[in-house]
PDB file of N, CA and C in Angstrom:
ATOM      1  N   MET A   1     -24.234   0.057 -97.198  1.00  0.00           N
ATOM      2  CA  MET A   1     -23.798   1.027 -96.359  1.00  0.00           C
ATOM      3  C   MET A   1     -22.448   1.589 -96.685  1.00  0.00           C
ATOM      4  N   TYR A   2     -22.544   2.899 -96.782  1.00  0.00           N
ATOM      5  CA  TYR A   2     -21.058   3.548 -97.472  1.00  0.00           C
ATOM      6  C   TYR A   2     -20.447   3.735 -96.340  1.00  0.00           C
ATOM      7  N   MET A   3     -19.044   3.471 -96.164  1.00  0.00           N
ATOM      8  CA  MET A   3     -18.323   3.653 -94.993  1.00  0.00           C
ATOM      9  C   MET A   3     -17.113   4.537 -95.523  1.00  0.00           C
ATOM     10  N   LYS A   4     -16.665   5.208 -94.604  1.00  0.00           N
ATOM     11  CA  LYS A   4     -15.397   5.987 -94.864  1.00  0.00           C
ATOM     12  C   LYS A   4     -13.961   5.727 -93.925  1.00  0.00           C
ATOM     13  N   ARG A   5     -13.005   5.813 -94.672  1.00  0.00           N
ATOM     14  CA  ARG A   5     -11.786   5.552 -93.795  1.00  0.00           C
ATOM     15  C   ARG A   5     -11.351   6.229 -92.971  1.00  0.00           C
ATOM     16  N   TYR A   6     -10.922   6.236 -91.811  1.00  0.00           N
ATOM     17  CA  TYR A   6     -10.309   6.838 -90.945  1.00  0.00           C
ATOM     18  C   TYR A   6      -9.098   6.254 -90.171  1.00  0.00           C
ATOM     19  N   GLN A   7      -8.270   7.010 -89.850  1.00  0.00           N
ATOM     20  CA  GLN A   7      -6.773   6.577 -89.211  1.00  0.00           C
ATOM     21  C   GLN A   7      -7.172   6.954 -87.745  1.00  0.00           C
ATOM     22  N   VAL A   8      -6.611   6.029 -86.844  1.00  0.00           N
ATOM     23  CA  VAL A   8      -6.731   6.196 -85.441  1.00  0.00           C
ATOM     24  C   VAL A   8      -5.682   5.437 -84.847  1.00  0.00           C
ATOM     25  N   TYR A   9      -5.567   5.788 -83.711  1.00  0.00           N
ATOM     26  CA  TYR A   9      -4.179   5.589 -82.679  1.00  0.00           C
ATOM     27  C   TYR A   9      -4.597   4.803 -81.543  1.00  0.00           C
ATOM     28  N   LEU A  10      -4.347   3.494 -81.736  1.00  0.00           N
ATOM     29  CA  LEU A  10      -4.763   2.602 -80.765  1.00  0.00           C
ATOM     30  C   LEU A  10      -3.672   2.048 -79.610  1.00  0.00           C
ATOM     31  N   ASN A  11      -3.950   1.964 -78.324  1.00  0.00           N
ATOM     32  CA  ASN A  11      -2.786   1.393 -77.452  1.00  0.00           C
ATOM     33  C   ASN A  11      -2.674  -0.284 -77.589  1.00  0.00           C
ATOM     34  N   PRO A  12      -1.394  -0.486 -78.001  1.00  0.00           N
ATOM     35  CA  PRO A  12      -1.006  -1.759 -77.969  1.00  0.00           C
ATOM     36  C   PRO A  12      -1.455  -2.812 -77.093  1.00  0.00           C
ATOM     37  N   ASP A  13      -1.854  -2.538 -76.237  1.00  0.00           N
ATOM     38  CA  ASP A  13      -2.565  -3.663 -75.190  1.00  0.00           C
ATOM     39  C   ASP A  13      -3.959  -4.033 -76.142  1.00  0.00           C
ATOM     40  N   SER A  14      -4.703  -2.733 -76.064  1.00  0.00           N
ATOM     41  CA  SER A  14      -5.909  -3.129 -76.984  1.00  0.00           C
ATOM     42  C   SER A  14      -6.106  -3.698 -78.326  1.00  0.00           C
ATOM     43  N   VAL A  15      -5.277  -3.592 -78.774  1.00  0.00           N
ATOM     44  CA  VAL A  15      -5.046  -4.346 -80.035  1.00  0.00           C
ATOM     45  C   VAL A  15      -4.643  -5.639 -80.090  1.00  0.00           C
ATOM     46  N   ALA A  16      -3.774  -5.853 -78.962  1.00  0.00           N
ATOM     47  CA  ALA A  16      -3.425  -7.471 -78.913  1.00  0.00           C
ATOM     48  C   ALA A  16      -4.557  -8.172 -78.012  1.00  0.00           C
ATOM     49  N   VAL A  17      -5.589  -7.431 -77.211  1.00  0.00           N
ATOM     50  CA  VAL A  17      -6.910  -7.836 -76.859  1.00  0.00           C
ATOM     51  C   VAL A  17      -8.083  -8.426 -78.060  1.00  0.00           C
ATOM     52  N   LEU A  18      -8.064  -7.233 -78.958  1.00  0.00           N
ATOM     53  CA  LEU A  18      -8.488  -7.394 -80.330  1.00  0.00           C
ATOM     54  C   LEU A  18      -8.183  -8.798 -81.083  1.00  0.00           C
ATOM     55  N   ASP A  19      -6.714  -8.801 -81.588  1.00  0.00           N
ATOM     56  CA  ASP A  19      -6.216 -10.005 -82.247  1.00  0.00           C
ATOM     57  C   ASP A  19      -6.595 -11.124 -81.663  1.00  0.00           C
ATOM     58  N   ASN A  20      -6.551 -11.173 -80.234  1.00  0.00           N
ATOM     59  CA  ASN A  20      -6.988 -12.493 -79.196  1.00  0.00           C
ATOM     60  C   ASN A  20      -8.373 -12.864 -79.641  1.00  0.00           C
ATOM     61  N   ILE A  21      -9.375 -12.091 -79.444  1.00  0.00           N
ATOM     62  CA  ILE A  21     -10.748 -11.976 -79.826  1.00  0.00           C
ATOM     63  C   ILE A  21     -10.879 -12.621 -81.074  1.00  0.00           C
ATOM     64  N   GLU A  22      -9.900 -11.858 -82.254  1.00  0.00           N
ATOM     65  CA  GLU A  22     -10.286 -12.066 -83.813  1.00  0.00           C
ATOM     66  C   GLU A  22     -10.068 -13.580 -84.198  1.00  0.00           C
ATOM     67  N   ARG A  23      -8.890 -14.076 -83.436  1.00  0.00           N
ATOM     68  CA  ARG A  23      -8.563 -15.393 -83.505  1.00  0.00           C
ATOM     69  C   ARG A  23      -9.588 -16.348 -82.612  1.00  0.00           C
ATOM     70  N   ILE A  24     -10.112 -16.121 -81.717  1.00  0.00           N
ATOM     71  CA  ILE A  24     -11.248 -16.858 -81.158  1.00  0.00           C
ATOM     72  C   ILE A  24     -12.744 -16.784 -81.819  1.00  0.00           C
ATOM     73  N   VAL A  25     -13.028 -16.078 -82.272  1.00  0.00           N
ATOM     74  CA  VAL A  25     -14.207 -15.665 -82.707  1.00  0.00           C
ATOM     75  C   VAL A  25     -14.338 -15.693 -84.350  1.00  0.00           C
ATOM     76  N   ASN A  26     -13.167 -15.593 -84.895  1.00  0.00           N
ATOM     77  CA  ASN A  26     -12.893 -15.307 -86.226  1.00  0.00           C
ATOM     78  C   ASN A  26     -13.512 -14.326 -86.961  1.00  0.00           C
ATOM     79  N   ILE A  27     -13.388 -13.103 -86.591  1.00  0.00           N
ATOM     80  CA  ILE A  27     -14.215 -11.673 -86.824  1.00  0.00           C
ATOM     81  C   ILE A  27     -12.807 -11.013 -86.974  1.00  0.00           C
ATOM     82  N   SER A  28     -12.675 -10.232 -88.357  1.00  0.00           N
ATOM     83  CA  SER A  28     -11.698  -9.308 -88.206  1.00  0.00           C
ATOM     84  C   SER A  28     -11.629  -8.390 -87.221  1.00  0.00           C
ATOM     85  N   ARG A  29     -10.329  -8.029 -86.835  1.00  0.00           N
ATOM     86  CA  ARG A  29     -10.003  -6.449 -85.923  1.00  0.00           C
ATOM     87  C   ARG A  29     -10.850  -5.137 -86.453  1.00  0.00           C
ATOM     88  N   SER A  30     -10.588  -5.105 -87.808  1.00  0.00           N
ATOM     89  CA  SER A  30     -11.616  -4.084 -88.514  1.00  0.00           C
ATOM     90  C   SER A  30     -12.876  -3.813 -88.123  1.00  0.00           C
ATOM     91  N   LYS A  31     -13.490  -5.193 -88.438  1.00  0.00           N
ATOM     92  CA  LYS A  31     -15.032  -5.608 -88.148  1.00  0.00           C
ATOM     93  C   LYS A  31     -15.187  -5.326 -86.594  1.00  0.00           C
ATOM     94  N   LEU A  32     -14.444  -5.715 -85.274  1.00  0.00           N
ATOM     95  CA  LEU A  32     -14.685  -5.574 -84.258  1.00  0.00           C
ATOM     96  C   LEU A  32     -14.611  -3.853 -83.403  1.00  0.00           C
ATOM     97  N   ILE A  33     -13.338  -3.407 -84.214  1.00  0.00           N
ATOM     98  CA  ILE A  33     -13.552  -2.094 -83.975  1.00  0.00           C
ATOM     99  C   ILE A  33     -14.684  -1.089 -84.608  1.00  0.00           C
ATOM    100  N   ARG A  34     -15.010  -1.491 -85.617  1.00  0.00           N
ATOM    101  CA  ARG A  34     -16.371  -0.791 -86.154  1.00  0.00           C
ATOM    102  C   ARG A  34     -17.750  -1.068 -85.415  1.00  0.00           C
ATOM    103  N   GLY A  35     -17.559  -2.408 -84.857  1.00  0.00           N
ATOM    104  CA  GLY A  35     -18.771  -2.512 -83.845  1.00  0.00           C
ATOM    105  C   GLY A  35     -18.851  -2.173 -82.766  1.00  0.00           C
ATOM    106  N   VAL A  36     -17.754  -1.739 -81.836  1.00  0.00           N
ATOM    107  CA  VAL A  36     -17.565  -1.020 -80.870  1.00  0.00           C
ATOM    108  C   VAL A  36     -17.710   0.307 -80.840  1.00  0.00           C
ATOM    109  N   VAL A  37     -17.067   1.049 -81.923  1.00  0.00           N
ATOM    110  CA  VAL A  37     -17.308   2.250 -82.239  1.00  0.00           C
ATOM    111  C   VAL A  37     -19.094   2.664 -82.403  1.00  0.00           C
ATOM    112  N   ASP A  38     -19.644   1.951 -82.953  1.00  0.00           N
ATOM    113  CA  ASP A  38     -21.143   1.883 -83.662  1.00  0.00           C
ATOM    114  C   ASP A  38     -21.819   1.976 -82.351  1.00  0.00           C
ATOM    115  N   ARG A  39     -21.372   0.792 -81.765  1.00  0.00           N
ATOM    116  CA  ARG A  39     -22.365   0.952 -80.292  1.00  0.00           C
ATOM    117  C   ARG A  39     -22.413   1.850 -79.473  1.00  0.00           C
ATOM    118  N   TYR A  40     -21.261   2.067 -79.483  1.00  0.00           N
ATOM    119  CA  TYR A  40     -20.675   3.517 -78.404  1.00  0.00           C
ATOM    120  C   TYR A  40     -21.381   4.701 -78.716  1.00  0.00           C
ATOM    121  N   ALA A  41     -21.202   4.736 -80.181  1.00  0.00           N
ATOM    122  CA  ALA A  41     -22.033   6.121 -81.094  1.00  0.00           C
ATOM    123  C   ALA A  41     -23.760   5.937 -80.738  1.00  0.00           C
ATOM    124  N   ASN A  42     -24.066   4.959 -80.736  1.00  0.00           N
ATOM    125  CA  ASN A  42     -25.521   4.722 -80.623  1.00  0.00           C
ATOM    126  C   ASN A  42     -25.980   4.957 -78.956  1.00  0.00           C
ATOM    127  N   THR A  43     -25.164   4.539 -78.236  1.00  0.00           N
ATOM    128  CA  THR A  43     -25.289   4.747 -76.719  1.00  0.00           C
ATOM    129  C   THR A  43     -25.615   6.204 -76.445  1.00  0.00           C
ATOM    130  N   VAL A  44     -24.440   7.030 -76.943  1.00  0.00           N
ATOM    131  CA  VAL A  44     -24.221   8.240 -76.750  1.00  0.00           C
ATOM    132  C   VAL A  44     -25.169   9.218 -77.305  1.00  0.00           C
ATOM    133  N   LYS A  45     -25.687   8.763 -78.511  1.00  0.00           N
ATOM    134  CA  LYS A  45     -26.653   9.535 -79.306  1.00  0.00           C
ATOM    135  C   LYS A  45     -28.122   9.307 -78.332  1.00  0.00           C
ATOM    136  N   ARG A  46     -28.180   8.052 -78.035  1.00  0.00           N
ATOM    137  CA  ARG A  46     -29.479   7.851 -77.346  1.00  0.00           C
ATOM    138  C   ARG A  46     -29.284   8.551 -75.828  1.00  0.00           C
ATOM    139  N   PHE A  47     -28.308   8.589 -75.380  1.00  0.00           N
ATOM    140  CA  PHE A  47     -28.296   9.102 -73.997  1.00  0.00           C
ATOM    141  C   PHE A  47     -28.300  10.950 -74.309  1.00  0.00           C
ATOM    142  N   ILE A  48     -27.992  11.336 -75.275  1.00  0.00           N
ATOM    143  CA  ILE A  48     -28.053  13.053 -75.356  1.00  0.00           C
ATOM    144  C   ILE A  48     -29.555  13.471 -76.081  1.00  0.00           C
ATOM    145  N   ILE A  49     -30.141  12.225 -76.355  1.00  0.00           N
ATOM    146  CA  ILE A  49     -31.723  12.518 -76.830  1.00  0.00           C
ATOM    147  C   ILE A  49     -32.403  12.426 -75.542  1.00  0.00           C
ATOM    148  N   GLU A  50     -31.865  11.772 -74.726  1.00  0.00           N
ATOM    149  CA  GLU A  50     -33.029  11.557 -73.592  1.00  0.00           C
ATOM    150  C   GLU A  50     -32.840  12.699 -72.845  1.00  0.00           C
ATOM    151  N   VAL A  51     -31.703  12.836 -72.279  1.00  0.00           N
ATOM    152  CA  VAL A  51     -31.053  14.133 -71.472  1.00  0.00           C
ATOM    153  C   VAL A  51     -31.362  15.598 -71.905  1.00  0.00           C
ATOM    154  N   LYS A  52     -30.993  15.827 -73.209  1.00  0.00           N
ATOM    155  CA  LYS A  52     -31.041  16.853 -73.887  1.00  0.00           C
ATOM    156  C   LYS A  52     -30.405  17.790 -72.945  1.00  0.00           C
ATOM    157  N   PRO A  53     -29.115  17.835 -73.015  1.00  0.00           N
ATOM    158  CA  PRO A  53     -28.281  18.812 -72.421  1.00  0.00           C
ATOM    159  C   PRO A  53     -28.793  20.321 -72.781  1.00  0.00           C
ATOM    160  N   VAL A  54     -28.223  21.411 -71.557  1.00  0.00           N
ATOM    161  CA  VAL A  54     -29.152  22.385 -71.383  1.00  0.00           C
ATOM    162  C   VAL A  54     -27.579  23.296 -72.106  1.00  0.00           C
ATOM    163  N   VAL A  55     -27.899  23.932 -73.413  1.00  0.00           N
ATOM    164  CA  VAL A  55     -26.880  25.018 -73.411  1.00  0.00           C
ATOM    165  C   VAL A  55     -27.099  26.616 -73.152  1.00  0.00           C
ATOM    166  N   LEU A  56     -25.935  26.936 -72.180  1.00  0.00           N
ATOM    167  CA  LEU A  56     -25.773  27.958 -71.761  1.00  0.00           C
ATOM    168  C   LEU A  56     -25.372  29.266 -72.382  1.00  0.00           C
ATOM    169  N   THR A  57     -26.496  30.362 -72.490  1.00  0.00           N
ATOM    170  CA  THR A  57     -26.191  31.330 -73.305  1.00  0.00           C
ATOM    171  C   THR A  57     -25.544  32.262 -72.660  1.00  0.00           C
ATOM    172  N   LYS A  58     -25.002  32.291 -71.177  1.00  0.00           N
ATOM    173  CA  LYS A  58     -24.223  33.057 -70.753  1.00  0.00           C
ATOM    174  C   LYS A  58     -23.407  32.419 -69.440  1.00  0.00           C
ATOM    175  N   TYR A  59     -22.377  32.855 -69.077  1.00  0.00           N
ATOM    176  CA  TYR A  59     -21.667  32.457 -67.974  1.00  0.00           C
ATOM    177  C   TYR A  59     -22.683  32.443 -66.849  1.00  0.00           C
ATOM    178  N   ARG A  60     -22.550  31.427 -65.873  1.00  0.00           N
ATOM    179  CA  ARG A  60     -22.880  31.611 -64.648  1.00  0.00           C
ATOM    180  C   ARG A  60     -22.547  32.812 -63.590  1.00  0.00           C
ATOM    181  N   MET A  61     -21.298  33.015 -63.669  1.00  0.00           N
ATOM    182  CA  MET A  61     -20.656  33.810 -62.900  1.00  0.00           C
ATOM    183  C   MET A  61     -20.903  35.575 -63.463  1.00  0.00           C
ATOM    184  N   ASP A  62     -21.983  35.516 -64.766  1.00  0.00           N
ATOM    185  CA  ASP A  62     -22.081  36.935 -64.716  1.00  0.00           C
ATOM    186  C   ASP A  62     -23.545  37.387 -63.755  1.00  0.00           C
ATOM    187  N   ASP A  63     -24.272  36.387 -63.473  1.00  0.00           N
ATOM    188  CA  ASP A  63     -25.108  36.794 -62.805  1.00  0.00           C
ATOM    189  C   ASP A  63     -24.826  37.047 -61.373  1.00  0.00           C
ATOM    190  N   LEU A  64     -23.634  36.445 -60.541  1.00  0.00           N
ATOM    191  CA  LEU A  64     -23.206  36.717 -59.269  1.00  0.00           C
ATOM    192  C   LEU A  64     -22.394  37.860 -59.529  1.00  0.00           C
ATOM    193  N   ALA A  65     -21.710  38.129 -60.325  1.00  0.00           N
ATOM    194  CA  ALA A  65     -21.212  39.592 -60.161  1.00  0.00           C
ATOM    195  C   ALA A  65     -21.811  40.773 -60.652  1.00  0.00           C
ATOM    196  N   GLY A  66     -23.107  40.509 -61.058  1.00  0.00           N
ATOM    197  CA  GLY A  66     -23.805  41.780 -61.638  1.00  0.00           C
ATOM    198  C   GLY A  66     -23.731  42.312 -62.891  1.00  0.00           C
ATOM    199  N   PHE A  67     -22.712  41.778 -63.775  1.00  0.00           N
ATOM    200  CA  PHE A  67     -22.314  42.392 -64.753  1.00  0.00           C
ATOM    201  C   PHE A  67     -23.575  42.402 -66.024  1.00  0.00           C
ATOM    202  N   ASP A  68     -24.282  41.335 -66.156  1.00  0.00           N
ATOM    203  CA  ASP A  68     -25.360  41.135 -66.784  1.00  0.00           C
ATOM    204  C   ASP A  68     -26.413  42.550 -66.703  1.00  0.00           C
ATOM    205  N   LYS A  69     -26.473  43.330 -65.811  1.00  0.00           N
ATOM    206  CA  LYS A  69     -27.358  44.372 -65.280  1.00  0.00           C
ATOM    207  C   LYS A  69     -26.933  45.478 -65.667  1.00  0.00           C
ATOM    208  N   GLN A  70     -25.470  45.722 -66.397  1.00  0.00           N
ATOM    209  CA  GLN A  70     -24.824  47.123 -66.356  1.00  0.00           C
ATOM    210  C   GLN A  70     -25.816  48.260 -66.725  1.00  0.00           C
ATOM    211  N   GLU A  71     -26.812  48.003 -67.837  1.00  0.00           N
ATOM    212  CA  GLU A  71     -27.874  48.655 -68.551  1.00  0.00           C
ATOM    213  C   GLU A  71     -28.695  49.527 -67.551  1.00  0.00           C
ATOM    214  N   ALA A  72     -29.097  48.431 -66.626  1.00  0.00           N
ATOM    215  CA  ALA A  72     -30.036  49.103 -65.731  1.00  0.00           C
ATOM    216  C   ALA A  72     -29.724  50.005 -64.677  1.00  0.00           C
ATOM    217  N   ILE A  73     -28.270  49.761 -64.109  1.00  0.00           N
ATOM    218  CA  ILE A  73     -27.480  50.399 -63.249  1.00  0.00           C
ATOM    219  C   ILE A  73     -27.285  51.754 -63.921  1.00  0.00           C
ATOM    220  N   GLY A  74     -26.922  51.828 -65.381  1.00  0.00           N
ATOM    221  CA  GLY A  74     -26.643  53.063 -65.771  1.00  0.00           C
ATOM    222  C   GLY A  74     -25.136  53.495 -65.632  1.00  0.00           C
ATOM    223  N   LYS A  75     -24.352  52.889 -64.355  1.00  0.00           N
ATOM    224  CA  LYS A  75     -22.903  53.259 -64.339  1.00  0.00           C
ATOM    225  C   LYS A  75     -21.969  52.174 -64.524  1.00  0.00           C
ATOM    226  N   THR A  76     -20.999  52.781 -65.511  1.00  0.00           N
ATOM    227  CA  THR A  76     -20.024  51.652 -65.492  1.00  0.00           C
ATOM    228  C   THR A  76     -18.968  52.025 -65.159  1.00  0.00           C
ATOM    229  N   ASN A  77     -18.518  53.192 -64.237  1.00  0.00           N
ATOM    230  CA  ASN A  77     -17.454  53.244 -63.475  1.00  0.00           C
ATOM    231  C   ASN A  77     -17.834  52.850 -61.846  1.00  0.00           C
ATOM    232  N   PHE A  78     -17.741  51.515 -61.762  1.00  0.00           N
ATOM    233  CA  PHE A  78     -18.033  50.871 -60.515  1.00  0.00           C
ATOM    234  C   PHE A  78     -17.255  51.423 -59.309  1.00  0.00           C
ATOM    235  N   SER A  79     -16.098  52.357 -59.605  1.00  0.00           N
ATOM    236  CA  SER A  79     -15.379  52.930 -58.094  1.00  0.00           C
ATOM    237  C   SER A  79     -16.068  54.092 -57.493  1.00  0.00           C
ATOM    238  N   GLU A  80     -16.745  54.499 -58.558  1.00  0.00           N
ATOM    239  CA  GLU A  80     -17.856  55.672 -57.817  1.00  0.00           C
ATOM    240  C   GLU A  80     -18.685  54.796 -56.767  1.00  0.00           C
ATOM    241  N   THR A  81     -19.633  53.804 -57.480  1.00  0.00           N
ATOM    242  CA  THR A  81     -20.372  53.002 -56.488  1.00  0.00           C
ATOM    243  C   THR A  81     -19.614  52.812 -55.105  1.00  0.00           C
ATOM    244  N   VAL A  82     -18.472  52.124 -55.124  1.00  0.00           N
ATOM    245  CA  VAL A  82     -17.598  51.975 -53.891  1.00  0.00           C
ATOM    246  C   VAL A  82     -17.474  53.025 -53.302  1.00  0.00           C
ATOM    247  N   ASP A  83     -17.040  54.351 -53.697  1.00  0.00           N
ATOM    248  CA  ASP A  83     -16.670  55.429 -52.934  1.00  0.00           C
ATOM    249  C   ASP A  83     -18.153  55.633 -52.315  1.00  0.00           C
ATOM    250  N   ASP A  84     -19.663  55.673 -53.097  1.00  0.00           N
ATOM    251  CA  ASP A  84     -20.659  56.244 -52.511  1.00  0.00           C
ATOM    252  C   ASP A  84     -21.002  55.395 -51.275  1.00  0.00           C
ATOM    253  N   ILE A  85     -20.585  54.152 -51.538  1.00  0.00           N
ATOM    254  CA  ILE A  85     -20.905  53.063 -50.205  1.00  0.00           C
ATOM    255  C   ILE A  85     -20.122  53.659 -48.797  1.00  0.00           C
ATOM    256  N   TYR A  86     -18.722  53.844 -49.292  1.00  0.00           N
ATOM    257  CA  TYR A  86     -17.718  54.240 -48.283  1.00  0.00           C
ATOM    258  C   TYR A  86     -18.164  55.671 -47.677  1.00  0.00           C
ATOM    259  N   HIS A  87     -18.605  56.297 -48.473  1.00  0.00           N
ATOM    260  CA  HIS A  87     -18.632  57.827 -47.870  1.00  0.00           C
ATOM    261  C   HIS A  87     -20.454  57.652 -47.038  1.00  0.00           C
ATOM    262  N   ARG A  88     -21.417  56.638 -47.486  1.00  0.00           N
ATOM    263  CA  ARG A  88     -22.561  56.662 -46.757  1.00  0.00           C
ATOM    264  C   ARG A  88     -22.246  56.236 -45.308  1.00  0.00           C
ATOM    265  N   ASP A  89     -21.152  55.244 -45.132  1.00  0.00           N
ATOM    266  CA  ASP A  89     -21.049  54.981 -43.832  1.00  0.00           C
ATOM    267  C   ASP A  89     -20.176  56.117 -42.593  1.00  0.00           C
ATOM    268  N   LEU A  90     -19.723  57.141 -43.208  1.00  0.00           N
ATOM    269  CA  LEU A  90     -18.971  58.092 -42.438  1.00  0.00           C
ATOM    270  C   LEU A  90     -19.947  58.670 -41.737  1.00  0.00           C
TER     271      LEU A  90
END
């Protein structure tokens, strides 16, 4: 397997834990980190495949405001609409 080198910044406490594990199980810190990252990536990949997130093509607020229906309304000057409503009530 071809691997590519990356530089990451780790919390010193996490590195200390990894160093302790390295001494106990005789596996290098690098190999431990690769194993953790691989396992996490596979878990996320399985989750994405199972859940299939929905990609929104428009913002939800567009429906609430009615801005996506401007073509059907024909008016773009919304102040006229407000004036019409006001005068209707008189």
